[in-house]
mmCIF file of all heavy atoms, coordinates in Angstrom:
data_MODEL
# 
_entry.id   MODEL 
# 
loop_
_atom_site.group_PDB 
_atom_site.id 
_atom_site.type_symbol 
_atom_site.label_atom_id 
_atom_site.label_alt_id 
_atom_site.label_comp_id 
_atom_site.label_asym_id 
_atom_site.label_entity_id 
_atom_site.label_seq_id 
_atom_site.pdbx_PDB_ins_code 
_atom_site.Cartn_x 
_atom_site.Cartn_y 
_atom_site.Cartn_z 
_atom_site.occupancy 
_atom_site.B_iso_or_equiv 
_atom_site.pdbx_formal_charge 
_atom_site.auth_seq_id 
_atom_site.auth_comp_id 
_atom_site.auth_asym_id 
_atom_site.auth_atom_id 
_atom_site.pdbx_PDB_model_num 
ATOM 1   N N   . GLU A 1 1  ? 7.919   -11.885 12.947  1.00 0.00 ? 1  GLU A N   1 
ATOM 2   C CA  . GLU A 1 1  ? 8.922   -11.636 11.988  1.00 0.00 ? 1  GLU A CA  1 
ATOM 3   C C   . GLU A 1 1  ? 8.298   -11.452 10.512  1.00 0.00 ? 1  GLU A C   1 
ATOM 4   O O   . GLU A 1 1  ? 8.810   -10.678 9.743   1.00 0.00 ? 1  GLU A O   1 
ATOM 5   C CB  . GLU A 1 1  ? 9.968   -12.680 11.920  1.00 0.00 ? 1  GLU A CB  1 
ATOM 6   C CG  . GLU A 1 1  ? 10.801  -12.767 13.173  1.00 0.00 ? 1  GLU A CG  1 
ATOM 7   C CD  . GLU A 1 1  ? 11.952  -13.808 13.047  1.00 0.00 ? 1  GLU A CD  1 
ATOM 8   O OE1 . GLU A 1 1  ? 12.112  -14.335 11.931  1.00 0.00 ? 1  GLU A OE1 1 
ATOM 9   O OE2 . GLU A 1 1  ? 12.770  -14.029 14.011  1.00 0.00 ? 1  GLU A OE2 1 
ATOM 10  N N   . THR A 1 2  ? 7.279   -12.210 10.209  1.00 0.00 ? 2  THR A N   1 
ATOM 11  C CA  . THR A 1 2  ? 6.585   -12.149 9.008   1.00 0.00 ? 2  THR A CA  1 
ATOM 12  C C   . THR A 1 2  ? 6.044   -10.730 8.822   1.00 0.00 ? 2  THR A C   1 
ATOM 13  O O   . THR A 1 2  ? 6.159   -10.059 7.757   1.00 0.00 ? 2  THR A O   1 
ATOM 14  C CB  . THR A 1 2  ? 5.541   -13.246 8.786   1.00 0.00 ? 2  THR A CB  1 
ATOM 15  O OG1 . THR A 1 2  ? 6.132   -14.524 8.904   1.00 0.00 ? 2  THR A OG1 1 
ATOM 16  C CG2 . THR A 1 2  ? 4.817   -13.095 7.483   1.00 0.00 ? 2  THR A CG2 1 
ATOM 17  N N   . ASP A 1 3  ? 5.332   -10.309 9.907   1.00 0.00 ? 3  ASP A N   1 
ATOM 18  C CA  . ASP A 1 3  ? 4.737   -8.997  9.846   1.00 0.00 ? 3  ASP A CA  1 
ATOM 19  C C   . ASP A 1 3  ? 5.711   -7.874  9.729   1.00 0.00 ? 3  ASP A C   1 
ATOM 20  O O   . ASP A 1 3  ? 5.587   -6.900  8.957   1.00 0.00 ? 3  ASP A O   1 
ATOM 21  C CB  . ASP A 1 3  ? 4.007   -8.746  11.141  1.00 0.00 ? 3  ASP A CB  1 
ATOM 22  C CG  . ASP A 1 3  ? 2.581   -9.500  11.192  1.00 0.00 ? 3  ASP A CG  1 
ATOM 23  O OD1 . ASP A 1 3  ? 2.189   -9.951  10.095  1.00 0.00 ? 3  ASP A OD1 1 
ATOM 24  O OD2 . ASP A 1 3  ? 2.075   -9.658  12.358  1.00 0.00 ? 3  ASP A OD2 1 
ATOM 25  N N   . ALA A 1 4  ? 6.913   -8.013  10.353  1.00 0.00 ? 4  ALA A N   1 
ATOM 26  C CA  . ALA A 1 4  ? 8.029   -7.143  10.254  1.00 0.00 ? 4  ALA A CA  1 
ATOM 27  C C   . ALA A 1 4  ? 8.472   -7.032  8.823   1.00 0.00 ? 4  ALA A C   1 
ATOM 28  O O   . ALA A 1 4  ? 8.750   -5.905  8.339   1.00 0.00 ? 4  ALA A O   1 
ATOM 29  C CB  . ALA A 1 4  ? 9.102   -7.334  11.244  1.00 0.00 ? 4  ALA A CB  1 
ATOM 30  N N   . PHE A 1 5  ? 8.580   -8.137  8.204   1.00 0.00 ? 5  PHE A N   1 
ATOM 31  C CA  . PHE A 1 5  ? 9.031   -8.165  6.803   1.00 0.00 ? 5  PHE A CA  1 
ATOM 32  C C   . PHE A 1 5  ? 8.067   -7.564  5.853   1.00 0.00 ? 5  PHE A C   1 
ATOM 33  O O   . PHE A 1 5  ? 8.507   -6.693  5.000   1.00 0.00 ? 5  PHE A O   1 
ATOM 34  C CB  . PHE A 1 5  ? 9.292   -9.659  6.241   1.00 0.00 ? 5  PHE A CB  1 
ATOM 35  C CG  . PHE A 1 5  ? 9.557   -9.766  4.839   1.00 0.00 ? 5  PHE A CG  1 
ATOM 36  C CD1 . PHE A 1 5  ? 10.788  -9.530  4.352   1.00 0.00 ? 5  PHE A CD1 1 
ATOM 37  C CD2 . PHE A 1 5  ? 8.570   -10.199 4.072   1.00 0.00 ? 5  PHE A CD2 1 
ATOM 38  C CE1 . PHE A 1 5  ? 11.098  -9.679  3.031   1.00 0.00 ? 5  PHE A CE1 1 
ATOM 39  C CE2 . PHE A 1 5  ? 8.755   -10.334 2.601   1.00 0.00 ? 5  PHE A CE2 1 
ATOM 40  C CZ  . PHE A 1 5  ? 10.070  -10.006 2.101   1.00 0.00 ? 5  PHE A CZ  1 
ATOM 41  N N   . ILE A 1 6  ? 6.889   -7.796  6.067   1.00 0.00 ? 6  ILE A N   1 
ATOM 42  C CA  . ILE A 1 6  ? 5.825   -7.179  5.080   1.00 0.00 ? 6  ILE A CA  1 
ATOM 43  C C   . ILE A 1 6  ? 5.805   -5.699  5.404   1.00 0.00 ? 6  ILE A C   1 
ATOM 44  O O   . ILE A 1 6  ? 5.664   -4.929  4.422   1.00 0.00 ? 6  ILE A O   1 
ATOM 45  C CB  . ILE A 1 6  ? 4.402   -7.833  5.441   1.00 0.00 ? 6  ILE A CB  1 
ATOM 46  C CG1 . ILE A 1 6  ? 4.457   -9.294  4.965   1.00 0.00 ? 6  ILE A CG1 1 
ATOM 47  C CG2 . ILE A 1 6  ? 3.250   -7.113  4.875   1.00 0.00 ? 6  ILE A CG2 1 
ATOM 48  C CD1 . ILE A 1 6  ? 3.200   -10.151 5.383   1.00 0.00 ? 6  ILE A CD1 1 
ATOM 49  N N   . ARG A 1 7  ? 5.903   -5.228  6.560   1.00 0.00 ? 7  ARG A N   1 
ATOM 50  C CA  . ARG A 1 7  ? 5.743   -3.820  6.813   1.00 0.00 ? 7  ARG A CA  1 
ATOM 51  C C   . ARG A 1 7  ? 7.074   -3.092  6.251   1.00 0.00 ? 7  ARG A C   1 
ATOM 52  O O   . ARG A 1 7  ? 7.112   -1.907  5.909   1.00 0.00 ? 7  ARG A O   1 
ATOM 53  C CB  . ARG A 1 7  ? 5.546   -3.511  8.267   1.00 0.00 ? 7  ARG A CB  1 
ATOM 54  C CG  . ARG A 1 7  ? 4.261   -3.961  8.732   1.00 0.00 ? 7  ARG A CG  1 
ATOM 55  C CD  . ARG A 1 7  ? 3.900   -3.436  10.181  1.00 0.00 ? 7  ARG A CD  1 
ATOM 56  N NE  . ARG A 1 7  ? 2.675   -3.973  10.567  1.00 0.00 ? 7  ARG A NE  1 
ATOM 57  C CZ  . ARG A 1 7  ? 1.968   -3.403  11.530  1.00 0.00 ? 7  ARG A CZ  1 
ATOM 58  N NH1 . ARG A 1 7  ? 2.423   -2.314  12.178  1.00 0.00 ? 7  ARG A NH1 1 
ATOM 59  N NH2 . ARG A 1 7  ? 0.792   -3.852  11.936  1.00 0.00 ? 7  ARG A NH2 1 
ATOM 60  N N   . THR A 1 8  ? 8.214   -3.861  6.344   1.00 0.00 ? 8  THR A N   1 
ATOM 61  C CA  . THR A 1 8  ? 9.533   -3.300  5.875   1.00 0.00 ? 8  THR A CA  1 
ATOM 62  C C   . THR A 1 8  ? 9.393   -3.183  4.388   1.00 0.00 ? 8  THR A C   1 
ATOM 63  O O   . THR A 1 8  ? 9.759   -2.163  3.811   1.00 0.00 ? 8  THR A O   1 
ATOM 64  C CB  . THR A 1 8  ? 10.709  -4.101  6.283   1.00 0.00 ? 8  THR A CB  1 
ATOM 65  O OG1 . THR A 1 8  ? 10.750  -4.308  7.677   1.00 0.00 ? 8  THR A OG1 1 
ATOM 66  C CG2 . THR A 1 8  ? 11.985  -3.647  5.681   1.00 0.00 ? 8  THR A CG2 1 
ATOM 67  N N   . VAL A 1 9  ? 8.899   -4.154  3.664   1.00 0.00 ? 9  VAL A N   1 
ATOM 68  C CA  . VAL A 1 9  ? 8.780   -4.172  2.174   1.00 0.00 ? 9  VAL A CA  1 
ATOM 69  C C   . VAL A 1 9  ? 7.751   -3.080  1.842   1.00 0.00 ? 9  VAL A C   1 
ATOM 70  O O   . VAL A 1 9  ? 7.915   -2.305  0.879   1.00 0.00 ? 9  VAL A O   1 
ATOM 71  C CB  . VAL A 1 9  ? 8.333   -5.556  1.671   1.00 0.00 ? 9  VAL A CB  1 
ATOM 72  C CG1 . VAL A 1 9  ? 7.984   -5.428  0.227   1.00 0.00 ? 9  VAL A CG1 1 
ATOM 73  C CG2 . VAL A 1 9  ? 9.479   -6.571  1.906   1.00 0.00 ? 9  VAL A CG2 1 
ATOM 74  N N   . GLY A 1 10 ? 6.755   -2.901  2.614   1.00 0.00 ? 10 GLY A N   1 
ATOM 75  C CA  . GLY A 1 10 ? 5.766   -1.887  2.468   1.00 0.00 ? 10 GLY A CA  1 
ATOM 76  C C   . GLY A 1 10 ? 4.427   -2.221  1.664   1.00 0.00 ? 10 GLY A C   1 
ATOM 77  O O   . GLY A 1 10 ? 3.980   -1.389  0.964   1.00 0.00 ? 10 GLY A O   1 
ATOM 78  N N   . PHE A 1 11 ? 4.047   -3.470  1.794   1.00 0.00 ? 11 PHE A N   1 
ATOM 79  C CA  . PHE A 1 11 ? 2.756   -3.916  1.180   1.00 0.00 ? 11 PHE A CA  1 
ATOM 80  C C   . PHE A 1 11 ? 1.684   -2.887  1.554   1.00 0.00 ? 11 PHE A C   1 
ATOM 81  O O   . PHE A 1 11 ? 0.809   -2.514  0.716   1.00 0.00 ? 11 PHE A O   1 
ATOM 82  C CB  . PHE A 1 11 ? 2.430   -5.289  1.498   1.00 0.00 ? 11 PHE A CB  1 
ATOM 83  C CG  . PHE A 1 11 ? 3.327   -6.371  0.937   1.00 0.00 ? 11 PHE A CG  1 
ATOM 84  C CD1 . PHE A 1 11 ? 3.313   -7.664  1.439   1.00 0.00 ? 11 PHE A CD1 1 
ATOM 85  C CD2 . PHE A 1 11 ? 4.201   -6.028  -0.093  1.00 0.00 ? 11 PHE A CD2 1 
ATOM 86  C CE1 . PHE A 1 11 ? 4.109   -8.625  0.916   1.00 0.00 ? 11 PHE A CE1 1 
ATOM 87  C CE2 . PHE A 1 11 ? 5.074   -6.986  -0.647  1.00 0.00 ? 11 PHE A CE2 1 
ATOM 88  C CZ  . PHE A 1 11 ? 5.000   -8.254  -0.086  1.00 0.00 ? 11 PHE A CZ  1 
ATOM 89  N N   . ASN A 1 12 ? 1.595   -2.609  2.864   1.00 0.00 ? 12 ASN A N   1 
ATOM 90  C CA  . ASN A 1 12 ? 0.519   -1.719  3.326   1.00 0.00 ? 12 ASN A CA  1 
ATOM 91  C C   . ASN A 1 12 ? 0.639   -0.305  2.755   1.00 0.00 ? 12 ASN A C   1 
ATOM 92  O O   . ASN A 1 12 ? -0.403  0.251   2.457   1.00 0.00 ? 12 ASN A O   1 
ATOM 93  C CB  . ASN A 1 12 ? 0.553   -1.666  4.837   1.00 0.00 ? 12 ASN A CB  1 
ATOM 94  C CG  . ASN A 1 12 ? 1.939   -1.347  5.400   1.00 0.00 ? 12 ASN A CG  1 
ATOM 95  O OD1 . ASN A 1 12 ? 2.943   -1.527  4.796   1.00 0.00 ? 12 ASN A OD1 1 
ATOM 96  N ND2 . ASN A 1 12 ? 1.924   -0.781  6.640   1.00 0.00 ? 12 ASN A ND2 1 
ATOM 97  N N   . ARG A 1 13 ? 1.825   0.197   2.674   1.00 0.00 ? 13 ARG A N   1 
ATOM 98  C CA  . ARG A 1 13 ? 2.026   1.584   2.126   1.00 0.00 ? 13 ARG A CA  1 
ATOM 99  C C   . ARG A 1 13 ? 1.718   1.595   0.524   1.00 0.00 ? 13 ARG A C   1 
ATOM 100 O O   . ARG A 1 13 ? 1.154   2.479   0.041   1.00 0.00 ? 13 ARG A O   1 
ATOM 101 C CB  . ARG A 1 13 ? 3.434   2.022   2.349   1.00 0.00 ? 13 ARG A CB  1 
ATOM 102 C CG  . ARG A 1 13 ? 3.713   2.257   3.831   1.00 0.00 ? 13 ARG A CG  1 
ATOM 103 C CD  . ARG A 1 13 ? 5.149   2.856   4.030   1.00 0.00 ? 13 ARG A CD  1 
ATOM 104 N NE  . ARG A 1 13 ? 6.226   2.076   3.492   1.00 0.00 ? 13 ARG A NE  1 
ATOM 105 C CZ  . ARG A 1 13 ? 6.774   1.051   4.262   1.00 0.00 ? 13 ARG A CZ  1 
ATOM 106 N NH1 . ARG A 1 13 ? 6.330   0.804   5.414   1.00 0.00 ? 13 ARG A NH1 1 
ATOM 107 N NH2 . ARG A 1 13 ? 7.818   0.386   3.745   1.00 0.00 ? 13 ARG A NH2 1 
ATOM 108 N N   . ILE A 1 14 ? 2.175   0.554   -0.106  1.00 0.00 ? 14 ILE A N   1 
ATOM 109 C CA  . ILE A 1 14 ? 1.805   0.360   -1.569  1.00 0.00 ? 14 ILE A CA  1 
ATOM 110 C C   . ILE A 1 14 ? 0.329   0.402   -1.834  1.00 0.00 ? 14 ILE A C   1 
ATOM 111 O O   . ILE A 1 14 ? -0.123  1.009   -2.642  1.00 0.00 ? 14 ILE A O   1 
ATOM 112 C CB  . ILE A 1 14 ? 2.501   -0.769  -2.166  1.00 0.00 ? 14 ILE A CB  1 
ATOM 113 C CG1 . ILE A 1 14 ? 4.081   -0.688  -2.110  1.00 0.00 ? 14 ILE A CG1 1 
ATOM 114 C CG2 . ILE A 1 14 ? 2.129   -1.086  -3.636  1.00 0.00 ? 14 ILE A CG2 1 
ATOM 115 C CD1 . ILE A 1 14 ? 4.810   -2.010  -2.504  1.00 0.00 ? 14 ILE A CD1 1 
ATOM 116 N N   . SER A 1 15 ? -0.343  -0.384  -0.956  1.00 0.00 ? 15 SER A N   1 
ATOM 117 C CA  . SER A 1 15 ? -1.806  -0.526  -1.106  1.00 0.00 ? 15 SER A CA  1 
ATOM 118 C C   . SER A 1 15 ? -2.543  0.832   -0.852  1.00 0.00 ? 15 SER A C   1 
ATOM 119 O O   . SER A 1 15 ? -3.431  1.205   -1.539  1.00 0.00 ? 15 SER A O   1 
ATOM 120 C CB  . SER A 1 15 ? -2.387  -1.599  -0.159  1.00 0.00 ? 15 SER A CB  1 
ATOM 121 O OG  . SER A 1 15 ? -1.665  -2.833  -0.332  1.00 0.00 ? 15 SER A OG  1 
ATOM 122 N N   . ALA A 1 16 ? -2.001  1.624   0.163   1.00 0.00 ? 16 ALA A N   1 
ATOM 123 C CA  . ALA A 1 16 ? -2.607  2.802   0.461   1.00 0.00 ? 16 ALA A CA  1 
ATOM 124 C C   . ALA A 1 16 ? -2.345  3.842   -0.627  1.00 0.00 ? 16 ALA A C   1 
ATOM 125 O O   . ALA A 1 16 ? -3.217  4.569   -1.062  1.00 0.00 ? 16 ALA A O   1 
ATOM 126 C CB  . ALA A 1 16 ? -1.983  3.429   1.729   1.00 0.00 ? 16 ALA A CB  1 
ATOM 127 N N   . ALA A 1 17 ? -1.186  3.802   -1.262  1.00 0.00 ? 17 ALA A N   1 
ATOM 128 C CA  . ALA A 1 17 ? -0.886  4.660   -2.362  1.00 0.00 ? 17 ALA A CA  1 
ATOM 129 C C   . ALA A 1 17 ? -1.718  4.347   -3.549  1.00 0.00 ? 17 ALA A C   1 
ATOM 130 O O   . ALA A 1 17 ? -2.166  5.214   -4.391  1.00 0.00 ? 17 ALA A O   1 
ATOM 131 C CB  . ALA A 1 17 ? 0.702   4.557   -2.731  1.00 0.00 ? 17 ALA A CB  1 
ATOM 132 N N   . THR A 1 18 ? -1.930  3.047   -3.817  1.00 0.00 ? 18 THR A N   1 
ATOM 133 C CA  . THR A 1 18 ? -2.755  2.647   -4.922  1.00 0.00 ? 18 THR A CA  1 
ATOM 134 C C   . THR A 1 18 ? -4.139  3.084   -4.721  1.00 0.00 ? 18 THR A C   1 
ATOM 135 O O   . THR A 1 18 ? -4.847  3.519   -5.679  1.00 0.00 ? 18 THR A O   1 
ATOM 136 C CB  . THR A 1 18 ? -2.707  1.087   -5.046  1.00 0.00 ? 18 THR A CB  1 
ATOM 137 O OG1 . THR A 1 18 ? -1.372  0.656   -5.249  1.00 0.00 ? 18 THR A OG1 1 
ATOM 138 C CG2 . THR A 1 18 ? -3.592  0.670   -6.231  1.00 0.00 ? 18 THR A CG2 1 
ATOM 139 N N   . LEU A 1 19 ? -4.672  2.965   -3.557  1.00 0.00 ? 19 LEU A N   1 
ATOM 140 C CA  . LEU A 1 19 ? -6.102  3.501   -3.202  1.00 0.00 ? 19 LEU A CA  1 
ATOM 141 C C   . LEU A 1 19 ? -6.169  4.946   -3.530  1.00 0.00 ? 19 LEU A C   1 
ATOM 142 O O   . LEU A 1 19 ? -7.110  5.430   -4.119  1.00 0.00 ? 19 LEU A O   1 
ATOM 143 C CB  . LEU A 1 19 ? -6.432  3.192   -1.776  1.00 0.00 ? 19 LEU A CB  1 
ATOM 144 C CG  . LEU A 1 19 ? -7.773  3.634   -1.274  1.00 0.00 ? 19 LEU A CG  1 
ATOM 145 C CD1 . LEU A 1 19 ? -8.888  2.989   -2.172  1.00 0.00 ? 19 LEU A CD1 1 
ATOM 146 C CD2 . LEU A 1 19 ? -8.012  3.203   0.212   1.00 0.00 ? 19 LEU A CD2 1 
ATOM 147 N N   . GLU A 1 20 ? -5.140  5.714   -3.073  1.00 0.00 ? 20 GLU A N   1 
ATOM 148 C CA  . GLU A 1 20 ? -5.175  7.234   -3.438  1.00 0.00 ? 20 GLU A CA  1 
ATOM 149 C C   . GLU A 1 20 ? -5.204  7.366   -4.942  1.00 0.00 ? 20 GLU A C   1 
ATOM 150 O O   . GLU A 1 20 ? -5.893  8.385   -5.402  1.00 0.00 ? 20 GLU A O   1 
ATOM 151 C CB  . GLU A 1 20 ? -3.917  7.793   -2.736  1.00 0.00 ? 20 GLU A CB  1 
ATOM 152 C CG  . GLU A 1 20 ? -3.887  7.942   -1.290  1.00 0.00 ? 20 GLU A CG  1 
ATOM 153 C CD  . GLU A 1 20 ? -2.799  8.587   -0.639  1.00 0.00 ? 20 GLU A CD  1 
ATOM 154 O OE1 . GLU A 1 20 ? -1.973  9.110   -1.473  1.00 0.00 ? 20 GLU A OE1 1 
ATOM 155 O OE2 . GLU A 1 20 ? -2.628  8.639   0.661   1.00 0.00 ? 20 GLU A OE2 1 
ATOM 156 N N   . MET A 1 21 ? -4.455  6.652   -5.595  1.00 0.00 ? 21 MET A N   1 
ATOM 157 C CA  . MET A 1 21 ? -4.454  6.720   -7.087  1.00 0.00 ? 21 MET A CA  1 
ATOM 158 C C   . MET A 1 21 ? -5.818  6.466   -7.635  1.00 0.00 ? 21 MET A C   1 
ATOM 159 O O   . MET A 1 21 ? -6.305  7.245   -8.530  1.00 0.00 ? 21 MET A O   1 
ATOM 160 C CB  . MET A 1 21 ? -3.387  5.898   -7.708  1.00 0.00 ? 21 MET A CB  1 
ATOM 161 C CG  . MET A 1 21 ? -3.218  6.017   -9.249  1.00 0.00 ? 21 MET A CG  1 
ATOM 162 S SD  . MET A 1 21 ? -4.189  4.806   -10.131 1.00 0.00 ? 21 MET A SD  1 
ATOM 163 C CE  . MET A 1 21 ? -3.492  3.290   -9.690  1.00 0.00 ? 21 MET A CE  1 
ATOM 164 N N   . TYR A 1 22 ? -6.494  5.465   -7.231  1.00 0.00 ? 22 TYR A N   1 
ATOM 165 C CA  . TYR A 1 22 ? -7.822  5.091   -7.642  1.00 0.00 ? 22 TYR A CA  1 
ATOM 166 C C   . TYR A 1 22 ? -8.794  6.237   -7.339  1.00 0.00 ? 22 TYR A C   1 
ATOM 167 O O   . TYR A 1 22 ? -9.675  6.649   -8.157  1.00 0.00 ? 22 TYR A O   1 
ATOM 168 C CB  . TYR A 1 22 ? -8.380  3.848   -7.018  1.00 0.00 ? 22 TYR A CB  1 
ATOM 169 C CG  . TYR A 1 22 ? -7.849  2.607   -7.640  1.00 0.00 ? 22 TYR A CG  1 
ATOM 170 C CD1 . TYR A 1 22 ? -6.984  2.584   -8.667  1.00 0.00 ? 22 TYR A CD1 1 
ATOM 171 C CD2 . TYR A 1 22 ? -8.264  1.305   -7.165  1.00 0.00 ? 22 TYR A CD2 1 
ATOM 172 C CE1 . TYR A 1 22 ? -6.510  1.407   -9.230  1.00 0.00 ? 22 TYR A CE1 1 
ATOM 173 C CE2 . TYR A 1 22 ? -7.867  0.105   -7.721  1.00 0.00 ? 22 TYR A CE2 1 
ATOM 174 C CZ  . TYR A 1 22 ? -6.922  0.180   -8.800  1.00 0.00 ? 22 TYR A CZ  1 
ATOM 175 O OH  . TYR A 1 22 ? -6.494  -0.963  -9.285  1.00 0.00 ? 22 TYR A OH  1 
ATOM 176 N N   . GLU A 1 23 ? -8.599  6.890   -6.212  1.00 0.00 ? 23 GLU A N   1 
ATOM 177 C CA  . GLU A 1 23 ? -9.553  7.983   -5.792  1.00 0.00 ? 23 GLU A CA  1 
ATOM 178 C C   . GLU A 1 23 ? -9.400  9.158   -6.746  1.00 0.00 ? 23 GLU A C   1 
ATOM 179 O O   . GLU A 1 23 ? -10.367 9.752   -6.922  1.00 0.00 ? 23 GLU A O   1 
ATOM 180 C CB  . GLU A 1 23 ? -9.134  8.358   -4.318  1.00 0.00 ? 23 GLU A CB  1 
ATOM 181 C CG  . GLU A 1 23 ? -9.647  7.312   -3.296  1.00 0.00 ? 23 GLU A CG  1 
ATOM 182 C CD  . GLU A 1 23 ? -9.138  7.700   -1.831  1.00 0.00 ? 23 GLU A CD  1 
ATOM 183 O OE1 . GLU A 1 23 ? -8.234  8.454   -1.753  1.00 0.00 ? 23 GLU A OE1 1 
ATOM 184 O OE2 . GLU A 1 23 ? -9.669  6.987   -0.914  1.00 0.00 ? 23 GLU A OE2 1 
ATOM 185 N N   . SER A 1 24 ? -8.216  9.429   -7.152  1.00 0.00 ? 24 SER A N   1 
ATOM 186 C CA  . SER A 1 24 ? -8.033  10.567  -7.951  1.00 0.00 ? 24 SER A CA  1 
ATOM 187 C C   . SER A 1 24 ? -8.067  10.371  -9.438  1.00 0.00 ? 24 SER A C   1 
ATOM 188 O O   . SER A 1 24 ? -8.509  11.232  -10.223 1.00 0.00 ? 24 SER A O   1 
ATOM 189 C CB  . SER A 1 24 ? -6.632  11.202  -7.670  1.00 0.00 ? 24 SER A CB  1 
ATOM 190 O OG  . SER A 1 24 ? -5.591  10.277  -7.949  1.00 0.00 ? 24 SER A OG  1 
ATOM 191 N N   . GLU A 1 25 ? -7.696  9.066   -9.914  1.00 0.00 ? 25 GLU A N   1 
ATOM 192 C CA  . GLU A 1 25 ? -7.538  8.788   -11.318 1.00 0.00 ? 25 GLU A CA  1 
ATOM 193 C C   . GLU A 1 25 ? -8.645  7.886   -11.858 1.00 0.00 ? 25 GLU A C   1 
ATOM 194 O O   . GLU A 1 25 ? -9.024  7.945   -12.989 1.00 0.00 ? 25 GLU A O   1 
ATOM 195 C CB  . GLU A 1 25 ? -6.156  8.249   -11.625 1.00 0.00 ? 25 GLU A CB  1 
ATOM 196 C CG  . GLU A 1 25 ? -5.041  9.066   -11.250 1.00 0.00 ? 25 GLU A CG  1 
ATOM 197 C CD  . GLU A 1 25 ? -5.020  10.361  -12.003 1.00 0.00 ? 25 GLU A CD  1 
ATOM 198 O OE1 . GLU A 1 25 ? -5.490  10.484  -13.186 1.00 0.00 ? 25 GLU A OE1 1 
ATOM 199 O OE2 . GLU A 1 25 ? -4.396  11.404  -11.517 1.00 0.00 ? 25 GLU A OE2 1 
ATOM 200 N N   . TYR A 1 26 ? -9.155  6.960   -11.064 1.00 0.00 ? 26 TYR A N   1 
ATOM 201 C CA  . TYR A 1 26 ? -10.082 5.912   -11.503 1.00 0.00 ? 26 TYR A CA  1 
ATOM 202 C C   . TYR A 1 26 ? -11.264 5.857   -10.511 1.00 0.00 ? 26 TYR A C   1 
ATOM 203 O O   . TYR A 1 26 ? -11.405 4.806   -9.902  1.00 0.00 ? 26 TYR A O   1 
ATOM 204 C CB  . TYR A 1 26 ? -9.314  4.629   -11.588 1.00 0.00 ? 26 TYR A CB  1 
ATOM 205 C CG  . TYR A 1 26 ? -8.165  4.604   -12.569 1.00 0.00 ? 26 TYR A CG  1 
ATOM 206 C CD1 . TYR A 1 26 ? -6.893  4.674   -12.085 1.00 0.00 ? 26 TYR A CD1 1 
ATOM 207 C CD2 . TYR A 1 26 ? -8.399  4.560   -13.977 1.00 0.00 ? 26 TYR A CD2 1 
ATOM 208 C CE1 . TYR A 1 26 ? -5.813  4.625   -13.030 1.00 0.00 ? 26 TYR A CE1 1 
ATOM 209 C CE2 . TYR A 1 26 ? -7.322  4.601   -14.867 1.00 0.00 ? 26 TYR A CE2 1 
ATOM 210 C CZ  . TYR A 1 26 ? -6.140  4.635   -14.359 1.00 0.00 ? 26 TYR A CZ  1 
ATOM 211 O OH  . TYR A 1 26 ? -5.053  4.688   -15.214 1.00 0.00 ? 26 TYR A OH  1 
ATOM 212 N N   . PRO A 1 27 ? -12.069 6.791   -10.462 1.00 0.00 ? 27 PRO A N   1 
ATOM 213 C CA  . PRO A 1 27 ? -13.246 6.760   -9.514  1.00 0.00 ? 27 PRO A CA  1 
ATOM 214 C C   . PRO A 1 27 ? -14.240 5.626   -9.922  1.00 0.00 ? 27 PRO A C   1 
ATOM 215 O O   . PRO A 1 27 ? -14.841 5.124   -9.105  1.00 0.00 ? 27 PRO A O   1 
ATOM 216 C CB  . PRO A 1 27 ? -13.865 8.127   -9.696  1.00 0.00 ? 27 PRO A CB  1 
ATOM 217 C CG  . PRO A 1 27 ? -13.416 8.671   -11.051 1.00 0.00 ? 27 PRO A CG  1 
ATOM 218 C CD  . PRO A 1 27 ? -12.045 8.065   -11.211 1.00 0.00 ? 27 PRO A CD  1 
# 
């Protein structure tokens, strides 16, 4: 249930989007 909550909130998606932003904006 904890994993389901975290994936619903989207910590993993937010982290992936942040990484993409670093790749393009903050090398």
